[in-house]
Amino acid sequence: MPAPPSSPSALLRAATTAEVPARRLSAVESITLLEVLEAVPDPRQRRGRRHPLQSVLYLALGAVLAGANSWAAIADWAAVTGHDVGMGRPPHASTFRRLLGRVEVTALEAALTGWVLGRRDTAARQAAAAGGPVAERRMVLAADGKTLRGAHQPDGSQTKLLCLYDHAHQLVLAQTPVLDGDEIAAFTTALAALPDLSGVVITADALHCQRAHARWLHERGGHYLFTVKANQPTLRRAVAALPWGQVSGSRHRQVGHGRSESRSIKVLDLDGHLIQALFPHVQGAIKVVRRRRCRRTGRQSVETVYAITSLDYRHADPGLLAVWM
């Protein structure tokens, strides 16, 4: 069963969804976090408020990230740390339970995500000032559906979300429920939550290799990198039939998780190719061959994956495309 809204786990989920760092914050970080928490609506009547909502949220977030898993543990942690936010006597456990059980979790997630995005944008500006290839600083988001373990709808079906995950900063930027099992419809709903998609690359599995998705992204200045499988049979046959044998590629090797893996990647520019009539705004095709060997059993496997992208050779080299895939 899903955790009730009054459970500390709901607060922890909001914090981890927004990727709030699990460490002691600096003075500047604490001040800016308190400022963004002011945007969370206070469910209480104005009369009788003893503690500011943003201070209660700040203490509760710090407590659950430090490992507190009950209202009593949150209150104990707040009693030690409460002076950091200048709120005098910290709230009692029952105060945390009553107040946080009524807070709108979606608004809290939005506030926390906005705070983390601000930190990310500051880091991006610093990286831009330091120089380096523009392509390597491009925002790349993975759109992927996830089933929440242990969470069920009233009808007994499992809860599923479509999340947008920032590759470089390991940050969940947005998520939206998958209604009636229609993950394809959730794709644009989740992306619409972002204010600007100009220059952003969206990576997704074959389910989202949809012409409507490609057009939608192009209209908003975004790009795609989609895996191509059997749900687009004509397109996949055309990509597989490209003259890959005439293309030089690059190879990467890595060892981990009990296996060794060799991955080769080849990229073809499709400017003027007939494939451009099969899929909107496609500019490049990618072939990845993965060879894996289990170090314990010695079993080997080979997998060939095809993908397409709206980026041409001037905007992403094979190495970057391999990392993004």
Protein backbone atom coordinates (compact mmCIF):
# COMPACT_ATOMS: atom_id res chain seq x y z
CA MET A 1 0.00 0.00 0.00
CA PRO A 2 1.28 3.52 -0.64
CA ALA A 3 2.47 5.56 2.31
CA PRO A 4 -0.25 7.89 3.62
CA PRO A 5 0.26 11.63 3.14
CA SER A 6 0.95 11.96 6.88
CA SER A 7 3.91 9.57 6.71
CA PRO A 8 7.50 10.91 6.88
CA SER A 9 8.23 8.77 3.81
CA ALA A 10 6.09 11.14 1.72
CA LEU A 11 8.40 13.98 2.73
CA LEU A 12 11.46 11.89 1.98
CA ARG A 13 10.02 11.02 -1.44
CA ALA A 14 9.55 14.72 -2.21
CA ALA A 15 13.16 15.43 -1.20
CA THR A 16 14.67 12.53 -3.13
CA THR A 17 12.52 13.23 -6.19
CA ALA A 18 14.00 16.73 -6.31
CA GLU A 19 17.50 15.34 -5.54
CA VAL A 20 18.06 17.57 -2.51
CA PRO A 21 21.65 16.85 -1.39
CA ALA A 22 21.82 14.55 1.65
CA ARG A 23 24.41 16.61 3.52
CA ARG A 24 24.57 19.64 5.77
CA LEU A 25 23.79 22.74 3.73
CA SER A 26 25.90 25.87 3.72
CA ALA A 27 24.51 29.12 5.13
CA VAL A 28 23.76 30.45 1.63
CA GLU A 29 22.07 27.19 0.60
CA SER A 30 19.95 27.22 3.75
CA ILE A 31 18.81 30.80 3.16
CA THR A 32 17.86 30.17 -0.47
CA LEU A 33 16.08 26.93 0.46
CA LEU A 34 14.02 28.74 3.10
CA GLU A 35 13.13 31.37 0.49
CA VAL A 36 11.79 28.86 -2.05
CA LEU A 37 9.86 27.00 0.64
CA GLU A 38 7.83 30.16 1.18
CA ALA A 39 6.05 29.29 -2.09
CA VAL A 40 4.47 26.19 -0.53
CA PRO A 41 0.87 27.04 0.50
CA ASP A 42 0.30 26.99 4.25
CA PRO A 43 -2.81 24.83 4.98
CA ARG A 44 -3.41 26.47 8.38
CA GLN A 45 -5.57 29.41 9.32
CA ARG A 46 -3.58 32.59 9.96
CA ARG A 47 -4.68 32.75 13.57
CA GLY A 48 -2.74 30.55 15.94
CA ARG A 49 0.32 29.91 13.77
CA ARG A 50 3.31 29.48 16.05
CA HIS A 51 5.96 28.27 13.64
CA PRO A 52 6.48 29.48 10.02
CA LEU A 53 5.72 26.72 7.55
CA GLN A 54 9.01 27.11 5.67
CA SER A 55 10.96 26.63 8.92
CA VAL A 56 9.00 23.48 9.77
CA LEU A 57 9.57 22.12 6.26
CA TYR A 58 13.27 22.97 6.44
CA LEU A 59 13.71 21.10 9.71
CA ALA A 60 11.66 18.12 8.56
CA LEU A 61 13.59 17.84 5.28
CA GLY A 62 16.90 17.94 7.12
CA ALA A 63 15.69 15.29 9.54
CA VAL A 64 14.45 12.77 6.96
CA LEU A 65 17.58 13.22 4.84
CA ALA A 66 19.61 12.52 8.00
CA GLY A 67 17.71 9.25 8.46
CA ALA A 68 14.74 10.15 10.66
CA ASN A 69 11.83 7.82 9.87
CA SER A 70 9.25 8.82 12.46
CA TRP A 71 7.68 12.02 13.76
CA ALA A 72 9.42 11.55 17.11
CA ALA A 73 12.79 11.20 15.36
CA ILE A 74 12.11 14.35 13.31
CA ALA A 75 11.28 16.27 16.48
CA ASP A 76 14.43 14.99 18.24
CA TRP A 77 16.57 16.05 15.29
CA ALA A 78 14.87 19.45 15.14
CA ALA A 79 15.51 20.00 18.85
CA VAL A 80 19.24 19.84 18.13
CA THR A 81 19.19 21.80 14.86
CA GLY A 82 16.28 24.20 15.37
CA HIS A 83 18.46 27.13 16.39
CA ASP A 84 19.95 27.17 12.87
CA VAL A 85 16.74 28.67 11.50
CA GLY A 86 16.13 30.99 14.45
CA MET A 87 12.66 29.68 15.28
CA GLY A 88 13.08 29.41 19.03
CA ARG A 89 11.58 26.31 20.60
CA PRO A 90 11.27 23.66 17.85
CA PRO A 91 7.92 22.03 17.03
CA HIS A 92 6.67 18.96 18.88
CA ALA A 93 6.33 15.65 17.05
CA SER A 94 2.56 16.04 16.96
CA THR A 95 2.98 19.45 15.30
CA PHE A 96 5.12 17.93 12.55
CA ARG A 97 2.56 15.16 12.07
CA ARG A 98 -0.50 17.41 11.89
CA LEU A 99 1.05 20.12 9.73
CA LEU A 100 3.02 18.01 7.27
CA GLY A 101 0.10 15.65 6.83
CA ARG A 102 -1.82 18.57 5.28
CA VAL A 103 0.94 20.05 3.10
CA GLU A 104 0.48 19.67 -0.66
CA VAL A 105 3.31 17.32 -1.67
CA THR A 106 3.18 18.38 -5.34
CA ALA A 107 3.79 22.02 -4.39
CA LEU A 108 6.64 20.96 -2.12
CA GLU A 109 8.25 18.91 -4.92
CA ALA A 110 7.93 21.87 -7.30
CA ALA A 111 9.58 24.23 -4.81
CA LEU A 112 12.45 21.84 -4.13
CA THR A 113 12.99 21.12 -7.82
CA GLY A 114 13.09 24.87 -8.55
CA TRP A 115 15.72 25.29 -5.84
CA VAL A 116 17.89 22.48 -7.23
CA LEU A 117 17.47 23.81 -10.79
CA GLY A 118 18.74 27.18 -9.64
CA ARG A 119 21.85 25.51 -8.23
CA ARG A 120 22.30 23.59 -11.48
CA ASP A 121 21.95 26.73 -13.61
CA THR A 122 24.58 28.48 -11.49
CA ALA A 123 26.95 25.56 -12.05
CA ALA A 124 26.18 25.64 -15.79
CA ARG A 125 27.03 29.34 -16.01
CA GLN A 126 30.31 28.71 -14.23
CA ALA A 127 31.11 25.87 -16.65
CA ALA A 128 30.28 28.10 -19.62
CA ALA A 129 32.57 30.81 -18.30
CA ALA A 130 35.35 28.24 -18.03
CA GLY A 131 34.96 27.39 -21.73
CA GLY A 132 34.83 24.00 -23.42
CA PRO A 133 32.72 22.51 -26.24
CA VAL A 134 29.13 23.74 -26.33
CA ALA A 135 27.84 20.26 -27.22
CA GLU A 136 29.20 18.81 -23.99
CA ARG A 137 27.26 21.40 -21.98
CA ARG A 138 23.97 20.68 -23.74
CA MET A 139 21.11 19.63 -21.45
CA VAL A 140 20.19 15.99 -22.07
CA LEU A 141 17.10 14.51 -20.41
CA ALA A 142 16.01 10.90 -20.33
CA ALA A 143 12.26 10.29 -20.55
CA ASP A 144 11.51 6.99 -18.91
CA GLY A 145 8.55 5.27 -17.27
CA LYS A 146 9.00 3.79 -13.80
CA THR A 147 6.69 1.58 -11.77
CA LEU A 148 6.66 2.51 -8.08
CA ARG A 149 7.39 -0.56 -6.00
CA GLY A 150 4.74 -1.17 -3.36
CA ALA A 151 2.46 1.65 -4.55
CA HIS A 152 -0.99 0.73 -5.85
CA GLN A 153 -4.03 2.53 -7.16
CA PRO A 154 -7.49 1.99 -5.56
CA ASP A 155 -8.27 -0.58 -8.27
CA GLY A 156 -5.17 -2.59 -7.33
CA SER A 157 -3.04 -1.60 -10.33
CA GLN A 158 0.53 -0.47 -9.71
CA THR A 159 1.36 3.23 -9.79
CA LYS A 160 3.51 4.28 -12.75
CA LEU A 161 5.20 7.59 -13.45
CA LEU A 162 6.99 9.06 -16.43
CA CYS A 163 10.10 10.90 -15.23
CA LEU A 164 12.47 13.36 -16.87
CA TYR A 165 15.99 12.70 -15.65
CA ASP A 166 18.90 15.10 -16.18
CA HIS A 167 21.87 12.98 -17.33
CA ALA A 168 24.66 15.28 -16.23
CA HIS A 169 23.31 16.37 -12.85
CA GLN A 170 21.51 13.11 -11.95
CA LEU A 171 18.37 15.10 -11.20
CA VAL A 172 14.69 14.29 -11.69
CA LEU A 173 13.29 17.50 -13.19
CA ALA A 174 9.66 16.49 -13.61
CA GLN A 175 7.37 13.51 -13.34
CA THR A 176 3.78 12.84 -14.27
CA PRO A 177 1.43 9.92 -13.58
CA VAL A 178 0.84 7.43 -16.39
CA LEU A 179 -2.94 7.31 -16.68
CA ASP A 180 -4.70 4.18 -17.96
CA GLY A 181 -1.32 2.72 -18.91
CA ASP A 182 -0.82 5.32 -21.67
CA GLU A 183 2.85 6.21 -21.25
CA ILE A 184 2.96 7.75 -24.74
CA ALA A 185 0.46 10.46 -23.73
CA ALA A 186 2.45 11.16 -20.55
CA PHE A 187 5.53 12.06 -22.64
CA THR A 188 4.36 15.53 -23.69
CA THR A 189 2.59 16.12 -20.37
CA ALA A 190 5.85 15.72 -18.45
CA LEU A 191 7.88 17.80 -20.92
CA ALA A 192 5.30 20.59 -20.89
CA ALA A 193 6.21 21.17 -17.23
CA LEU A 194 9.63 22.50 -18.30
CA PRO A 195 9.74 26.21 -19.13
CA ASP A 196 12.16 25.99 -22.08
CA LEU A 197 13.18 23.11 -24.33
CA SER A 198 15.37 25.11 -26.72
CA GLY A 199 18.45 23.04 -27.51
CA VAL A 200 17.49 20.29 -25.04
CA VAL A 201 18.01 16.67 -26.16
CA ILE A 202 15.43 14.10 -25.06
CA THR A 203 16.55 10.48 -25.01
CA ALA A 204 13.89 7.77 -24.87
CA ASP A 205 13.35 4.11 -25.58
CA ALA A 206 11.55 2.69 -28.61
CA LEU A 207 8.09 3.21 -27.11
CA HIS A 208 8.52 6.96 -27.57
CA CYS A 209 9.93 6.76 -31.08
CA GLN A 210 6.76 8.47 -32.31
CA ARG A 211 6.38 10.93 -35.18
CA ALA A 212 4.09 13.11 -33.06
CA HIS A 213 6.76 13.32 -30.34
CA ALA A 214 9.40 14.34 -32.88
CA ARG A 215 7.20 17.11 -34.30
CA TRP A 216 6.23 18.31 -30.81
CA LEU A 217 9.87 18.63 -29.76
CA HIS A 218 10.90 20.35 -32.99
CA GLU A 219 8.17 22.97 -32.60
CA ARG A 220 9.65 23.86 -29.20
CA GLY A 221 13.28 23.93 -30.29
CA GLY A 222 14.16 20.57 -28.75
CA HIS A 223 15.95 17.52 -30.16
CA TYR A 224 15.48 13.78 -29.79
CA LEU A 225 17.55 10.60 -29.59
CA PHE A 226 15.16 7.67 -29.93
CA THR A 227 15.85 3.95 -29.97
CA VAL A 228 14.29 2.20 -33.01
CA LYS A 229 12.72 -1.22 -32.59
CA ALA A 230 9.89 -3.37 -33.94
CA ASN A 231 7.14 -0.85 -33.13
CA GLN A 232 8.47 1.10 -36.16
CA PRO A 233 9.16 -1.82 -38.52
CA THR A 234 9.60 0.13 -41.76
CA LEU A 235 11.92 2.63 -40.13
CA ARG A 236 13.95 -0.07 -38.40
CA ARG A 237 14.44 -2.03 -41.61
CA ALA A 238 15.57 1.13 -43.38
CA VAL A 239 18.06 2.00 -40.62
CA ALA A 240 19.39 -1.57 -40.44
CA ALA A 241 19.90 -1.57 -44.23
CA LEU A 242 22.18 1.48 -44.20
CA PRO A 243 25.77 0.87 -45.38
CA TRP A 244 27.20 0.37 -41.89
CA GLY A 245 30.06 -1.74 -43.20
CA GLN A 246 31.49 1.35 -44.93
CA VAL A 247 31.49 3.43 -41.75
CA SER A 248 34.34 3.56 -39.27
CA GLY A 249 33.31 3.45 -35.64
CA SER A 250 34.64 3.79 -32.13
CA ARG A 251 34.87 1.16 -29.42
CA HIS A 252 34.58 1.47 -25.66
CA ARG A 253 35.32 -1.15 -23.03
CA GLN A 254 34.29 -1.23 -19.40
CA VAL A 255 34.20 -3.68 -16.51
CA GLY A 256 31.65 -3.61 -13.72
CA HIS A 257 28.64 -5.29 -12.13
CA GLY A 258 30.27 -8.69 -12.58
CA ARG A 259 30.66 -8.42 -16.33
CA SER A 260 32.91 -7.00 -19.02
CA GLU A 261 31.33 -5.06 -21.87
CA SER A 262 32.60 -3.94 -25.24
CA ARG A 263 30.52 -1.38 -27.09
CA SER A 264 31.10 -0.18 -30.64
CA ILE A 265 29.21 2.76 -32.13
CA LYS A 266 28.81 3.99 -35.67
CA VAL A 267 27.00 7.16 -36.78
CA LEU A 268 25.69 8.03 -40.26
CA ASP A 269 24.57 11.45 -41.42
CA LEU A 270 21.19 11.20 -43.18
CA ASP A 271 21.15 14.52 -44.98
CA GLY A 272 19.32 13.91 -48.27
CA HIS A 273 18.62 10.24 -47.49
CA LEU A 274 15.21 8.68 -48.15
CA ILE A 275 14.88 7.84 -44.43
CA GLN A 276 14.13 11.51 -43.83
CA ALA A 277 10.77 10.91 -45.49
CA LEU A 278 9.97 8.18 -42.96
CA PHE A 279 10.47 10.17 -39.75
CA PRO A 280 10.21 13.92 -39.06
CA HIS A 281 13.37 15.99 -38.68
CA VAL A 282 15.73 13.00 -38.52
CA GLN A 283 19.36 13.93 -39.23
CA GLY A 284 21.42 10.98 -38.07
CA ALA A 285 21.30 7.23 -37.53
CA ILE A 286 23.26 5.31 -34.89
CA LYS A 287 24.25 1.66 -34.61
CA VAL A 288 25.52 0.29 -31.32
CA VAL A 289 26.79 -3.27 -30.91
CA ARG A 290 27.16 -4.38 -27.29
CA ARG A 291 29.14 -7.52 -26.45
CA ARG A 292 28.90 -8.67 -22.84
CA ARG A 293 30.63 -11.47 -20.96
CA CYS A 294 29.66 -12.60 -17.48
CA ARG A 295 32.89 -12.91 -15.53
CA ARG A 296 31.45 -15.59 -13.25
CA THR A 297 29.88 -17.93 -15.81
CA GLY A 298 31.73 -16.93 -18.97
CA ARG A 299 28.45 -16.59 -20.85
CA GLN A 300 28.60 -14.13 -23.74
CA SER A 301 25.87 -12.13 -25.46
CA VAL A 302 25.70 -9.73 -28.39
CA GLU A 303 23.07 -7.02 -28.81
CA THR A 304 22.61 -4.63 -31.72
CA VAL A 305 20.71 -1.41 -31.09
CA TYR A 306 19.66 1.19 -33.65
CA ALA A 307 18.70 4.77 -32.90
CA ILE A 308 17.88 8.01 -34.70
CA THR A 309 18.46 11.61 -33.76
CA SER A 310 17.52 15.08 -34.93
CA LEU A 311 21.10 16.24 -34.29
CA ASP A 312 23.51 16.28 -37.20
CA TYR A 313 27.27 15.70 -37.14
CA ARG A 314 27.93 19.37 -36.37
CA HIS A 315 26.07 19.25 -33.07
CA ALA A 316 27.06 15.90 -31.55
CA ASP A 317 29.99 13.57 -32.23
CA PRO A 318 29.74 9.76 -31.94
CA GLY A 319 31.31 9.78 -28.49
CA LEU A 320 28.66 12.08 -27.06
CA LEU A 321 25.85 10.14 -28.70
CA ALA A 322 27.22 6.93 -27.18
CA VAL A 323 27.24 8.48 -23.70
CA TRP A 324 23.71 9.82 -24.10
CA MET A 325 22.42 6.43 -25.26
